[in-house]
Amino acid sequence: MAQEEQVLVIKREVFEQVGLFNGLMFDTERYRDKIFAKGVPFFMPRPQAEKDPSFKQLIPYVIITHNGKYLSYVRGKRAGETRLVSKRSIGIGGHINPVDDLPLFANPFDTYLAAVEREIAEEVTVQTNHTNHIVALLNDESNEVGSVHLGIVHYWLLDAPKVERREQMITQMDFMSVAELQEVKDEMETWSQLCLSGLDKMAEKINPR
């Protein structure tokens, strides 16, 4: 029998104690310190996590950008999350799973960041240097899927627009301007629509005027 997938979660009450919100939250430091405190994040079986809103699965959502354009793609039929098939996205990421070479939360935040790098490397190959910034949290309580997930929005600034896909589920991949993305907004998954509305604020957070 195949072993159940384990995913990284926190108790919903931890999230609510800091402050429940809907949409994007840019005050990331306040949440990060609580979410990644020792003993707070832990792994549990994904089937249980998907059905129990008393837990929030932590999902890195990485926006990759260069020179004012953003990596965008369409999820093909091989996408692991069938509810997102054929949807356009500007975020790459997924569930965080345990691996043997990472110590179990000796430093939860460092462990998480290493897992994010590994997750992205499974889906695309970034052939240039980048800087990684956490710019927002994303929460959507409007549906059953959103109620059990908490997005951590990363902003990767690339030195050059050099990215190649590795996963077959990634199709129609290209760097697009905000104006071009606005034209296809209706084709996007909900999280990407929310992030699209906040791209200017994310960029300003990285490079304050």
N, C-alpha and C. Protein backbone atom coordinates (compact mmCIF):
# COMPACT_ATOMS: atom_id res chain seq x y z
N MET A 1 0.84 -1.19 0.00
CA MET A 1 0.00 0.00 0.00
C MET A 1 0.88 1.26 0.00
N ALA A 2 0.57 2.21 -0.87
CA ALA A 2 1.36 3.44 -0.95
C ALA A 2 1.15 4.27 0.32
N GLN A 3 2.24 4.87 0.76
CA GLN A 3 2.17 5.70 1.96
C GLN A 3 1.45 7.00 1.64
N GLU A 4 0.64 7.47 2.59
CA GLU A 4 -0.09 8.71 2.39
C GLU A 4 0.87 9.90 2.31
N GLU A 5 0.57 10.83 1.41
CA GLU A 5 1.36 12.05 1.31
C GLU A 5 1.20 12.88 2.58
N GLN A 6 2.33 13.35 3.11
CA GLN A 6 2.33 14.22 4.27
C GLN A 6 2.56 15.67 3.81
N VAL A 7 1.80 16.60 4.36
CA VAL A 7 1.91 18.00 3.94
C VAL A 7 2.10 18.89 5.17
N LEU A 8 2.74 20.02 4.94
CA LEU A 8 3.04 20.97 6.01
C LEU A 8 1.81 21.80 6.34
N VAL A 9 1.48 21.84 7.63
CA VAL A 9 0.30 22.58 8.08
C VAL A 9 0.60 23.35 9.37
N ILE A 10 -0.31 24.27 9.68
CA ILE A 10 -0.38 24.86 11.01
C ILE A 10 -1.83 24.76 11.46
N LYS A 11 -2.06 24.89 12.74
CA LYS A 11 -3.43 24.94 13.23
C LYS A 11 -4.06 26.27 12.85
N ARG A 12 -5.31 26.22 12.41
CA ARG A 12 -6.00 27.45 12.02
C ARG A 12 -6.00 28.47 13.15
N GLU A 13 -6.08 28.01 14.38
CA GLU A 13 -6.15 28.94 15.51
C GLU A 13 -4.90 29.82 15.59
N VAL A 14 -3.74 29.29 15.17
CA VAL A 14 -2.52 30.10 15.16
C VAL A 14 -2.69 31.27 14.18
N PHE A 15 -3.21 30.95 13.00
CA PHE A 15 -3.45 31.96 11.97
C PHE A 15 -4.46 33.00 12.47
N GLU A 16 -5.53 32.54 13.09
CA GLU A 16 -6.58 33.45 13.54
C GLU A 16 -6.11 34.33 14.69
N GLN A 17 -5.21 33.81 15.51
CA GLN A 17 -4.69 34.61 16.63
C GLN A 17 -3.92 35.83 16.12
N VAL A 18 -3.21 35.66 15.01
CA VAL A 18 -2.47 36.79 14.45
C VAL A 18 -3.43 37.74 13.74
N GLY A 19 -4.45 37.19 13.10
CA GLY A 19 -5.45 38.01 12.45
C GLY A 19 -5.95 37.41 11.15
N LEU A 20 -7.22 36.98 11.14
CA LEU A 20 -7.83 36.41 9.94
C LEU A 20 -8.05 37.52 8.92
N PHE A 21 -7.78 37.21 7.65
CA PHE A 21 -8.02 38.18 6.57
C PHE A 21 -8.44 37.41 5.33
N ASN A 22 -8.98 38.13 4.38
CA ASN A 22 -9.30 37.55 3.07
C ASN A 22 -8.55 38.33 2.00
N GLY A 23 -8.00 37.62 1.02
CA GLY A 23 -7.24 38.27 -0.03
C GLY A 23 -5.76 38.30 0.30
N LEU A 24 -5.10 39.40 -0.04
CA LEU A 24 -3.66 39.54 0.20
C LEU A 24 -3.39 40.31 1.48
N MET A 25 -2.35 39.90 2.19
CA MET A 25 -1.88 40.59 3.39
C MET A 25 -0.38 40.85 3.21
N PHE A 26 0.00 42.14 3.28
CA PHE A 26 1.39 42.51 3.01
C PHE A 26 2.23 42.64 4.27
N ASP A 27 1.61 42.57 5.44
CA ASP A 27 2.35 42.64 6.71
C ASP A 27 2.88 41.24 7.04
N THR A 28 3.84 40.80 6.24
CA THR A 28 4.28 39.40 6.31
C THR A 28 5.08 39.07 7.55
N GLU A 29 5.87 40.02 8.05
CA GLU A 29 6.76 39.73 9.17
C GLU A 29 5.97 39.29 10.40
N ARG A 30 4.88 39.96 10.66
CA ARG A 30 4.08 39.65 11.85
C ARG A 30 3.56 38.21 11.81
N TYR A 31 3.13 37.78 10.65
CA TYR A 31 2.61 36.42 10.50
C TYR A 31 3.74 35.40 10.48
N ARG A 32 4.83 35.75 9.79
CA ARG A 32 5.93 34.79 9.64
C ARG A 32 6.48 34.35 10.99
N ASP A 33 6.65 35.28 11.89
CA ASP A 33 7.23 34.94 13.20
C ASP A 33 6.35 33.95 13.96
N LYS A 34 5.05 34.06 13.79
CA LYS A 34 4.13 33.15 14.49
C LYS A 34 4.00 31.81 13.77
N ILE A 35 3.89 31.86 12.45
CA ILE A 35 3.68 30.65 11.67
C ILE A 35 4.89 29.71 11.74
N PHE A 36 6.09 30.30 11.75
CA PHE A 36 7.29 29.48 11.73
C PHE A 36 8.00 29.41 13.08
N ALA A 37 7.27 29.67 14.14
CA ALA A 37 7.82 29.46 15.48
C ALA A 37 8.02 27.96 15.69
N LYS A 38 9.03 27.61 16.48
CA LYS A 38 9.31 26.20 16.71
C LYS A 38 8.08 25.49 17.29
N GLY A 39 7.78 24.33 16.72
CA GLY A 39 6.66 23.54 17.20
C GLY A 39 5.33 23.89 16.59
N VAL A 40 5.26 24.97 15.82
CA VAL A 40 3.98 25.39 15.22
C VAL A 40 3.69 24.65 13.92
N PRO A 41 4.59 24.67 12.93
CA PRO A 41 4.32 23.91 11.71
C PRO A 41 4.64 22.42 11.90
N PHE A 42 3.84 21.58 11.30
CA PHE A 42 4.07 20.14 11.40
C PHE A 42 3.45 19.46 10.18
N PHE A 43 3.76 18.18 10.01
CA PHE A 43 3.24 17.43 8.88
C PHE A 43 2.05 16.56 9.30
N MET A 44 1.08 16.45 8.39
CA MET A 44 -0.06 15.57 8.62
C MET A 44 -0.50 15.00 7.27
N PRO A 45 -1.25 13.89 7.28
CA PRO A 45 -1.68 13.29 6.02
C PRO A 45 -2.53 14.26 5.19
N ARG A 46 -2.22 14.35 3.90
CA ARG A 46 -2.93 15.30 3.05
C ARG A 46 -4.44 15.03 2.97
N PRO A 47 -4.89 13.76 2.87
CA PRO A 47 -6.34 13.54 2.81
C PRO A 47 -7.08 14.13 4.01
N GLN A 48 -6.45 14.05 5.19
CA GLN A 48 -7.07 14.64 6.38
C GLN A 48 -7.04 16.16 6.31
N ALA A 49 -5.90 16.72 5.88
CA ALA A 49 -5.75 18.17 5.83
C ALA A 49 -6.71 18.80 4.83
N GLU A 50 -6.99 18.10 3.72
CA GLU A 50 -7.85 18.65 2.69
C GLU A 50 -9.31 18.77 3.16
N LYS A 51 -9.67 18.01 4.18
CA LYS A 51 -11.07 17.98 4.62
C LYS A 51 -11.31 18.67 5.95
N ASP A 52 -10.24 19.08 6.63
CA ASP A 52 -10.39 19.61 7.99
C ASP A 52 -9.96 21.08 8.04
N PRO A 53 -10.91 22.02 8.05
CA PRO A 53 -10.56 23.45 8.04
C PRO A 53 -9.99 23.96 9.36
N SER A 54 -9.81 23.08 10.34
CA SER A 54 -9.15 23.52 11.57
C SER A 54 -7.62 23.53 11.39
N PHE A 55 -7.18 23.15 10.18
CA PHE A 55 -5.76 23.24 9.82
C PHE A 55 -5.62 24.04 8.53
N LYS A 56 -4.48 24.69 8.38
CA LYS A 56 -4.15 25.41 7.16
C LYS A 56 -2.89 24.80 6.55
N GLN A 57 -2.99 24.33 5.31
CA GLN A 57 -1.82 23.84 4.60
C GLN A 57 -1.02 25.04 4.08
N LEU A 58 0.28 25.05 4.34
CA LEU A 58 1.13 26.16 3.90
C LEU A 58 1.60 25.91 2.47
N ILE A 59 1.26 26.82 1.57
CA ILE A 59 1.56 26.66 0.15
C ILE A 59 2.41 27.82 -0.35
N PRO A 60 3.69 27.58 -0.67
CA PRO A 60 4.47 28.64 -1.30
C PRO A 60 3.92 28.93 -2.69
N TYR A 61 3.81 30.20 -3.02
CA TYR A 61 3.30 30.63 -4.33
C TYR A 61 4.32 31.61 -4.88
N VAL A 62 5.16 31.12 -5.79
CA VAL A 62 6.34 31.88 -6.23
C VAL A 62 6.06 32.59 -7.55
N ILE A 63 6.14 33.91 -7.50
CA ILE A 63 6.01 34.75 -8.68
C ILE A 63 7.42 35.06 -9.19
N ILE A 64 7.66 34.73 -10.45
CA ILE A 64 9.00 34.88 -11.04
C ILE A 64 8.97 36.05 -12.02
N THR A 65 9.88 37.01 -11.82
CA THR A 65 9.81 38.24 -12.60
C THR A 65 11.18 38.71 -13.06
N HIS A 66 11.17 39.40 -14.20
CA HIS A 66 12.38 40.05 -14.72
C HIS A 66 11.96 41.26 -15.54
N ASN A 67 12.55 42.41 -15.22
CA ASN A 67 12.37 43.63 -16.02
C ASN A 67 10.89 43.97 -16.25
N GLY A 68 10.09 43.85 -15.19
CA GLY A 68 8.69 44.24 -15.28
C GLY A 68 7.77 43.24 -15.94
N LYS A 69 8.29 42.07 -16.30
CA LYS A 69 7.45 41.01 -16.86
C LYS A 69 7.43 39.82 -15.91
N TYR A 70 6.34 39.05 -15.98
CA TYR A 70 6.11 37.98 -15.01
C TYR A 70 5.89 36.64 -15.73
N LEU A 71 6.52 35.62 -15.18
CA LEU A 71 6.36 34.29 -15.77
C LEU A 71 4.92 33.82 -15.61
N SER A 72 4.34 33.38 -16.70
CA SER A 72 2.96 32.91 -16.69
C SER A 72 2.87 31.61 -17.47
N TYR A 73 1.92 30.78 -17.12
CA TYR A 73 1.77 29.49 -17.80
C TYR A 73 0.35 29.00 -17.61
N VAL A 74 0.00 27.98 -18.36
CA VAL A 74 -1.31 27.33 -18.23
C VAL A 74 -1.09 25.91 -17.73
N ARG A 75 -1.88 25.52 -16.75
CA ARG A 75 -1.76 24.17 -16.19
C ARG A 75 -2.39 23.15 -17.15
N GLY A 76 -1.58 22.23 -17.62
CA GLY A 76 -2.07 21.21 -18.54
C GLY A 76 -2.81 20.09 -17.83
N LYS A 77 -3.18 19.07 -18.60
CA LYS A 77 -4.02 17.99 -18.07
C LYS A 77 -3.30 17.11 -17.06
N ARG A 78 -1.98 17.22 -16.98
CA ARG A 78 -1.23 16.40 -16.03
C ARG A 78 -1.08 17.10 -14.68
N ALA A 79 -1.70 18.24 -14.51
CA ALA A 79 -1.58 18.97 -13.25
C ALA A 79 -2.07 18.11 -12.09
N GLY A 80 -1.34 18.17 -10.97
CA GLY A 80 -1.69 17.35 -9.81
C GLY A 80 -2.99 17.78 -9.18
N GLU A 81 -3.31 19.06 -9.25
CA GLU A 81 -4.56 19.59 -8.69
C GLU A 81 -5.55 19.75 -9.83
N THR A 82 -6.48 18.77 -9.97
CA THR A 82 -7.38 18.74 -11.12
C THR A 82 -8.29 19.97 -11.18
N ARG A 83 -8.54 20.59 -10.02
CA ARG A 83 -9.43 21.75 -10.01
C ARG A 83 -8.80 22.96 -10.69
N LEU A 84 -7.49 22.91 -10.98
CA LEU A 84 -6.80 24.04 -11.59
C LEU A 84 -6.41 23.78 -13.05
N VAL A 85 -6.80 22.63 -13.59
CA VAL A 85 -6.45 22.30 -14.97
C VAL A 85 -7.02 23.34 -15.92
N SER A 86 -6.20 23.72 -16.92
CA SER A 86 -6.55 24.69 -17.96
C SER A 86 -6.62 26.12 -17.46
N LYS A 87 -6.25 26.37 -16.23
CA LYS A 87 -6.23 27.72 -15.68
C LYS A 87 -4.85 28.34 -15.89
N ARG A 88 -4.84 29.63 -16.24
CA ARG A 88 -3.56 30.35 -16.33
C ARG A 88 -3.10 30.74 -14.93
N SER A 89 -1.79 30.77 -14.74
CA SER A 89 -1.23 31.05 -13.42
C SER A 89 -0.01 31.94 -13.54
N ILE A 90 0.25 32.74 -12.50
CA ILE A 90 1.52 33.47 -12.40
C ILE A 90 2.28 33.03 -11.15
N GLY A 91 1.82 31.94 -10.55
CA GLY A 91 2.49 31.42 -9.36
C GLY A 91 2.89 29.97 -9.53
N ILE A 92 4.11 29.65 -9.09
CA ILE A 92 4.57 28.27 -9.10
C ILE A 92 4.77 27.82 -7.66
N GLY A 93 4.33 26.64 -7.36
CA GLY A 93 4.47 26.15 -5.99
C GLY A 93 3.61 24.94 -5.75
N GLY A 94 3.53 24.55 -4.51
CA GLY A 94 2.73 23.38 -4.17
C GLY A 94 2.92 23.03 -2.71
N HIS A 95 2.38 21.89 -2.33
CA HIS A 95 2.47 21.45 -0.95
C HIS A 95 3.91 21.17 -0.56
N ILE A 96 4.23 21.43 0.70
CA ILE A 96 5.55 21.12 1.24
C ILE A 96 5.50 19.75 1.89
N ASN A 97 6.38 18.85 1.41
CA ASN A 97 6.45 17.49 1.93
C ASN A 97 7.75 17.28 2.70
N PRO A 98 7.77 16.35 3.65
CA PRO A 98 9.02 16.07 4.38
C PRO A 98 10.02 15.34 3.51
N VAL A 99 11.30 15.66 3.71
CA VAL A 99 12.37 14.92 3.03
C VAL A 99 13.45 14.59 4.04
N ASP A 100 14.17 13.52 3.78
CA ASP A 100 15.13 13.01 4.75
C ASP A 100 16.30 13.95 5.01
N ASP A 101 16.68 14.75 3.98
CA ASP A 101 17.89 15.55 4.13
C ASP A 101 17.67 16.89 4.81
N LEU A 102 16.44 17.15 5.24
CA LEU A 102 16.16 18.38 5.97
C LEU A 102 15.81 18.05 7.41
N PRO A 103 16.51 18.62 8.40
CA PRO A 103 16.16 18.35 9.80
C PRO A 103 14.76 18.83 10.10
N LEU A 104 14.04 18.08 10.88
CA LEU A 104 12.64 18.40 11.13
C LEU A 104 12.52 19.61 12.06
N PHE A 105 12.61 20.78 11.43
CA PHE A 105 12.31 22.04 12.12
C PHE A 105 13.27 22.39 13.25
N ALA A 106 14.56 22.09 13.04
CA ALA A 106 15.56 22.67 13.93
C ALA A 106 15.45 24.18 13.82
N ASN A 107 15.24 24.65 12.59
CA ASN A 107 14.87 26.04 12.32
C ASN A 107 13.75 25.99 11.28
N PRO A 108 12.50 26.11 11.71
CA PRO A 108 11.37 25.90 10.79
C PRO A 108 11.41 26.76 9.54
N PHE A 109 11.80 28.03 9.68
CA PHE A 109 11.77 28.92 8.53
C PHE A 109 12.84 28.54 7.51
N ASP A 110 14.04 28.22 7.97
CA ASP A 110 15.10 27.80 7.05
C ASP A 110 14.72 26.50 6.35
N THR A 111 14.10 25.61 7.09
CA THR A 111 13.65 24.34 6.50
C THR A 111 12.61 24.61 5.42
N TYR A 112 11.71 25.52 5.69
CA TYR A 112 10.67 25.89 4.72
C TYR A 112 11.31 26.48 3.45
N LEU A 113 12.23 27.42 3.62
CA LEU A 113 12.86 28.07 2.45
C LEU A 113 13.59 27.06 1.58
N ALA A 114 14.28 26.11 2.20
CA ALA A 114 14.96 25.07 1.44
C ALA A 114 13.96 24.22 0.66
N ALA A 115 12.82 23.95 1.27
CA ALA A 115 11.78 23.16 0.62
C ALA A 115 11.18 23.91 -0.56
N VAL A 116 11.06 25.22 -0.44
CA VAL A 116 10.53 26.03 -1.55
C VAL A 116 11.47 25.94 -2.75
N GLU A 117 12.77 26.09 -2.52
CA GLU A 117 13.74 26.00 -3.61
C GLU A 117 13.63 24.64 -4.30
N ARG A 118 13.48 23.59 -3.51
CA ARG A 118 13.37 22.24 -4.06
C ARG A 118 12.07 22.10 -4.86
N GLU A 119 10.99 22.63 -4.35
CA GLU A 119 9.70 22.54 -5.02
C GLU A 119 9.74 23.22 -6.39
N ILE A 120 10.32 24.41 -6.44
CA ILE A 120 10.39 25.14 -7.71
C ILE A 120 11.28 24.39 -8.70
N ALA A 121 12.40 23.83 -8.21
CA ALA A 121 13.32 23.10 -9.08
C ALA A 121 12.68 21.87 -9.70
N GLU A 122 11.64 21.35 -9.07
CA GLU A 122 10.94 20.19 -9.63
C GLU A 122 10.06 20.59 -10.82
N GLU A 123 9.65 21.86 -10.86
CA GLU A 123 8.70 22.29 -11.88
C GLU A 123 9.35 23.08 -13.01
N VAL A 124 10.34 23.92 -12.68
CA VAL A 124 11.04 24.69 -13.71
C VAL A 124 12.53 24.72 -13.39
N THR A 125 13.32 25.00 -14.41
CA THR A 125 14.75 25.22 -14.24
C THR A 125 15.04 26.70 -14.42
N VAL A 126 15.50 27.34 -13.36
CA VAL A 126 15.86 28.75 -13.41
C VAL A 126 17.36 28.83 -13.72
N GLN A 127 17.70 29.31 -14.91
CA GLN A 127 19.09 29.28 -15.39
C GLN A 127 19.79 30.62 -15.19
N THR A 128 19.52 31.27 -14.10
CA THR A 128 20.14 32.55 -13.79
C THR A 128 20.03 32.79 -12.29
N ASN A 129 20.75 33.77 -11.80
CA ASN A 129 20.66 34.10 -10.38
C ASN A 129 19.33 34.76 -10.05
N HIS A 130 18.90 34.61 -8.79
CA HIS A 130 17.66 35.25 -8.36
C HIS A 130 17.75 35.64 -6.90
N THR A 131 16.93 36.59 -6.52
CA THR A 131 16.74 36.91 -5.11
C THR A 131 15.31 36.54 -4.73
N ASN A 132 15.14 36.08 -3.52
CA ASN A 132 13.86 35.57 -3.05
C ASN A 132 13.31 36.49 -1.96
N HIS A 133 12.10 37.00 -2.16
CA HIS A 133 11.47 37.88 -1.18
C HIS A 133 10.07 37.37 -0.88
N ILE A 134 9.72 37.29 0.39
CA ILE A 134 8.33 37.00 0.76
C ILE A 134 7.60 38.33 0.83
N VAL A 135 6.62 38.51 -0.03
CA VAL A 135 5.98 39.82 -0.17
C VAL A 135 4.55 39.88 0.33
N ALA A 136 3.91 38.72 0.51
CA ALA A 136 2.50 38.74 0.93
C ALA A 136 2.08 37.35 1.42
N LEU A 137 0.97 37.33 2.12
CA LEU A 137 0.27 36.08 2.41
C LEU A 137 -1.06 36.14 1.66
N LEU A 138 -1.59 34.98 1.35
CA LEU A 138 -2.80 34.91 0.53
C LEU A 138 -3.78 33.95 1.18
N ASN A 139 -4.98 34.45 1.42
CA ASN A 139 -6.01 33.61 2.03
C ASN A 139 -7.35 33.86 1.33
N ASP A 140 -8.05 32.78 1.04
CA ASP A 140 -9.34 32.87 0.37
C ASP A 140 -10.32 31.92 1.06
N GLU A 141 -11.19 32.50 1.87
CA GLU A 141 -12.15 31.70 2.63
C GLU A 141 -13.47 31.50 1.87
N SER A 142 -13.51 31.89 0.60
CA SER A 142 -14.77 31.88 -0.14
C SER A 142 -15.17 30.49 -0.65
N ASN A 143 -14.26 29.52 -0.54
CA ASN A 143 -14.59 28.17 -1.02
C ASN A 143 -13.88 27.13 -0.16
N GLU A 144 -14.25 25.87 -0.34
CA GLU A 144 -13.72 24.79 0.49
C GLU A 144 -12.22 24.60 0.29
N VAL A 145 -11.75 24.78 -0.94
CA VAL A 145 -10.32 24.62 -1.20
C VAL A 145 -9.53 25.69 -0.47
N GLY A 146 -9.96 26.94 -0.63
CA GLY A 146 -9.25 28.04 0.01
C GLY A 146 -9.25 27.98 1.52
N SER A 147 -10.30 27.43 2.08
CA SER A 147 -10.43 27.42 3.54
C SER A 147 -9.41 26.52 4.22
N VAL A 148 -8.77 25.62 3.46
CA VAL A 148 -7.79 24.72 4.07
C VAL A 148 -6.36 25.00 3.60
N HIS A 149 -6.16 26.13 2.90
CA HIS A 149 -4.83 26.50 2.41
C HIS A 149 -4.49 27.93 2.81
N LEU A 150 -3.21 28.18 3.00
CA LEU A 150 -2.70 29.53 3.23
C LEU A 150 -1.50 29.73 2.32
N GLY A 151 -1.61 30.68 1.39
CA GLY A 151 -0.53 30.93 0.46
C GLY A 151 0.52 31.86 1.03
N ILE A 152 1.79 31.52 0.78
CA ILE A 152 2.90 32.40 1.13
C ILE A 152 3.49 32.86 -0.20
N VAL A 153 3.31 34.13 -0.51
CA VAL A 153 3.66 34.64 -1.83
C VAL A 153 5.12 35.09 -1.85
N HIS A 154 5.90 34.42 -2.69
CA HIS A 154 7.31 34.75 -2.88
C HIS A 154 7.46 35.53 -4.18
N TYR A 155 8.43 36.40 -4.21
CA TYR A 155 8.72 37.24 -5.38
C TYR A 155 10.17 37.01 -5.74
N TRP A 156 10.39 36.30 -6.83
CA TRP A 156 11.75 35.99 -7.27
C TRP A 156 12.15 36.98 -8.36
N LEU A 157 13.16 37.79 -8.09
CA LEU A 157 13.72 38.71 -9.06
C LEU A 157 14.88 38.03 -9.78
N LEU A 158 14.75 37.86 -11.09
CA LEU A 158 15.76 37.16 -11.88
C LEU A 158 16.72 38.15 -12.55
N ASP A 159 17.97 37.74 -12.70
CA ASP A 159 18.95 38.56 -13.42
C ASP A 159 18.70 38.52 -14.93
N ALA A 160 18.05 37.48 -15.42
CA ALA A 160 17.75 37.34 -16.85
C ALA A 160 16.50 36.47 -16.98
N PRO A 161 15.75 36.61 -18.07
CA PRO A 161 14.51 35.84 -18.24
C PRO A 161 14.79 34.43 -18.75
N LYS A 162 15.56 33.67 -17.98
CA LYS A 162 15.98 32.34 -18.42
C LYS A 162 15.34 31.26 -17.54
N VAL A 163 14.20 30.76 -17.97
CA VAL A 163 13.47 29.73 -17.24
C VAL A 163 12.96 28.70 -18.24
N GLU A 164 13.17 27.43 -17.92
CA GLU A 164 12.65 26.36 -18.76
C GLU A 164 11.76 25.45 -17.92
N ARG A 165 10.74 24.94 -18.51
CA ARG A 165 9.82 24.06 -17.78
C ARG A 165 10.42 22.67 -17.61
N ARG A 166 10.07 22.02 -16.51
CA ARG A 166 10.45 20.63 -16.27
C ARG A 166 9.21 19.75 -16.19
N GLU A 167 8.15 20.28 -15.59
CA GLU A 167 6.92 19.50 -15.44
C GLU A 167 6.10 19.55 -16.72
N GLN A 168 5.54 18.41 -17.10
CA GLN A 168 4.70 18.35 -18.29
C GLN A 168 3.43 19.16 -18.14
N MET A 169 2.99 19.34 -16.90
CA MET A 169 1.72 20.06 -16.70
C MET A 169 1.86 21.56 -16.97
N ILE A 170 3.09 22.05 -17.14
CA ILE A 170 3.30 23.46 -17.43
C ILE A 170 3.30 23.65 -18.95
N THR A 171 2.35 24.43 -19.46
CA THR A 171 2.25 24.69 -20.89
C THR A 171 2.13 26.20 -21.13
N GLN A 172 2.35 26.61 -22.37
CA GLN A 172 2.19 28.01 -22.79
C GLN A 172 2.94 28.97 -21.85
N MET A 173 4.17 28.62 -21.49
CA MET A 173 4.94 29.42 -20.54
C MET A 173 5.63 30.58 -21.24
N ASP A 174 5.52 31.77 -20.66
CA ASP A 174 6.15 32.95 -21.24
C ASP A 174 6.18 34.06 -20.19
N PHE A 175 7.06 35.02 -20.39
CA PHE A 175 7.06 36.22 -19.56
C PHE A 175 6.10 37.23 -20.17
N MET A 176 5.21 37.78 -19.34
CA MET A 176 4.17 38.68 -19.83
C MET A 176 4.16 39.97 -19.01
N SER A 177 3.82 41.06 -19.65
CA SER A 177 3.68 42.33 -18.95
C SER A 177 2.38 42.35 -18.14
N VAL A 178 2.27 43.29 -17.23
CA VAL A 178 1.03 43.42 -16.45
C VAL A 178 -0.15 43.67 -17.38
N ALA A 179 0.05 44.50 -18.39
CA ALA A 179 -1.04 44.78 -19.33
C ALA A 179 -1.48 43.52 -20.05
N GLU A 180 -0.53 42.70 -20.46
CA GLU A 180 -0.87 41.44 -21.14
C GLU A 180 -1.59 40.49 -20.20
N LEU A 181 -1.15 40.46 -18.95
CA LEU A 181 -1.82 39.59 -17.97
C LEU A 181 -3.24 40.06 -17.68
N GLN A 182 -3.43 41.35 -17.65
CA GLN A 182 -4.78 41.88 -17.41
C GLN A 182 -5.75 41.42 -18.50
N GLU A 183 -5.24 41.25 -19.71
CA GLU A 183 -6.10 40.83 -20.82
C GLU A 183 -6.58 39.39 -20.67
N VAL A 184 -5.84 38.58 -19.91
CA VAL A 184 -6.22 37.17 -19.74
C VAL A 184 -6.61 36.88 -18.29
N LYS A 185 -6.93 37.90 -17.55
CA LYS A 185 -7.25 37.74 -16.13
C LYS A 185 -8.39 36.74 -15.91
N ASP A 186 -9.39 36.77 -16.77
CA ASP A 186 -10.54 35.88 -16.61
C ASP A 186 -10.18 34.41 -16.77
N GLU A 187 -9.02 34.13 -17.38
CA GLU A 187 -8.58 32.75 -17.58
C GLU A 187 -7.75 32.24 -16.40
N MET A 188 -7.48 33.11 -15.43
CA MET A 188 -6.56 32.77 -14.34
C MET A 188 -7.26 32.06 -13.18
N GLU A 189 -6.47 31.25 -12.46
CA GLU A 189 -6.93 30.69 -11.20
C GLU A 189 -7.09 31.82 -10.21
N THR A 190 -7.90 31.59 -9.17
CA THR A 190 -8.25 32.65 -8.23
C THR A 190 -7.03 33.28 -7.57
N TRP A 191 -6.08 32.46 -7.14
CA TRP A 191 -4.90 33.01 -6.45
C TRP A 191 -4.12 33.94 -7.38
N SER A 192 -4.02 33.60 -8.66
CA SER A 192 -3.30 34.45 -9.60
C SER A 192 -4.04 35.76 -9.84
N GLN A 193 -5.35 35.70 -9.89
CA GLN A 193 -6.14 36.93 -10.03
C GLN A 193 -5.89 37.86 -8.85
N LEU A 194 -5.85 37.29 -7.65
CA LEU A 194 -5.59 38.10 -6.47
C LEU A 194 -4.19 38.69 -6.50
N CYS A 195 -3.21 37.88 -6.90
CA CYS A 195 -1.83 38.38 -6.96
C CYS A 195 -1.65 39.42 -8.05
N LEU A 196 -2.34 39.26 -9.17
CA LEU A 196 -2.23 40.23 -10.25
C LEU A 196 -2.62 41.62 -9.77
N SER A 197 -3.64 41.68 -8.95
CA SER A 197 -4.09 42.98 -8.44
C SER A 197 -3.08 43.60 -7.48
N GLY A 198 -2.16 42.79 -6.94
CA GLY A 198 -1.19 43.29 -5.97
C GLY A 198 0.23 43.38 -6.47
N LEU A 199 0.46 43.16 -7.78
CA LEU A 199 1.83 43.12 -8.30
C LEU A 199 2.57 44.45 -8.09
N ASP A 200 1.89 45.56 -8.30
CA ASP A 200 2.55 46.86 -8.12
C ASP A 200 3.00 47.04 -6.67
N LYS A 201 2.15 46.65 -5.75
CA LYS A 201 2.50 46.79 -4.33
C LYS A 201 3.63 45.85 -3.95
N MET A 202 3.65 44.66 -4.54
CA MET A 202 4.75 43.72 -4.29
C MET A 202 6.06 44.30 -4.78
N ALA A 203 6.05 44.84 -6.00
CA ALA A 203 7.27 45.42 -6.57
C ALA A 203 7.75 46.61 -5.74
N GLU A 204 6.81 47.39 -5.25
CA GLU A 204 7.17 48.55 -4.44
C GLU A 204 7.75 48.12 -3.09
N LYS A 205 7.28 46.97 -2.60
CA LYS A 205 7.80 46.46 -1.32
C LYS A 205 9.27 46.06 -1.47
N ILE A 206 9.63 45.56 -2.65
CA ILE A 206 11.01 45.18 -2.91
C ILE A 206 11.88 46.41 -3.16
N ASN A 207 11.34 47.36 -3.90
CA ASN A 207 12.09 48.59 -4.25
C ASN A 207 11.26 49.82 -3.88
N PRO A 208 11.27 50.18 -2.57
CA PRO A 208 10.48 51.34 -2.12
C PRO A 208 10.88 52.60 -2.88
N ARG A 209 9.89 53.42 -3.19
CA ARG A 209 10.17 54.67 -3.91
C ARG A 209 10.68 55.73 -2.94
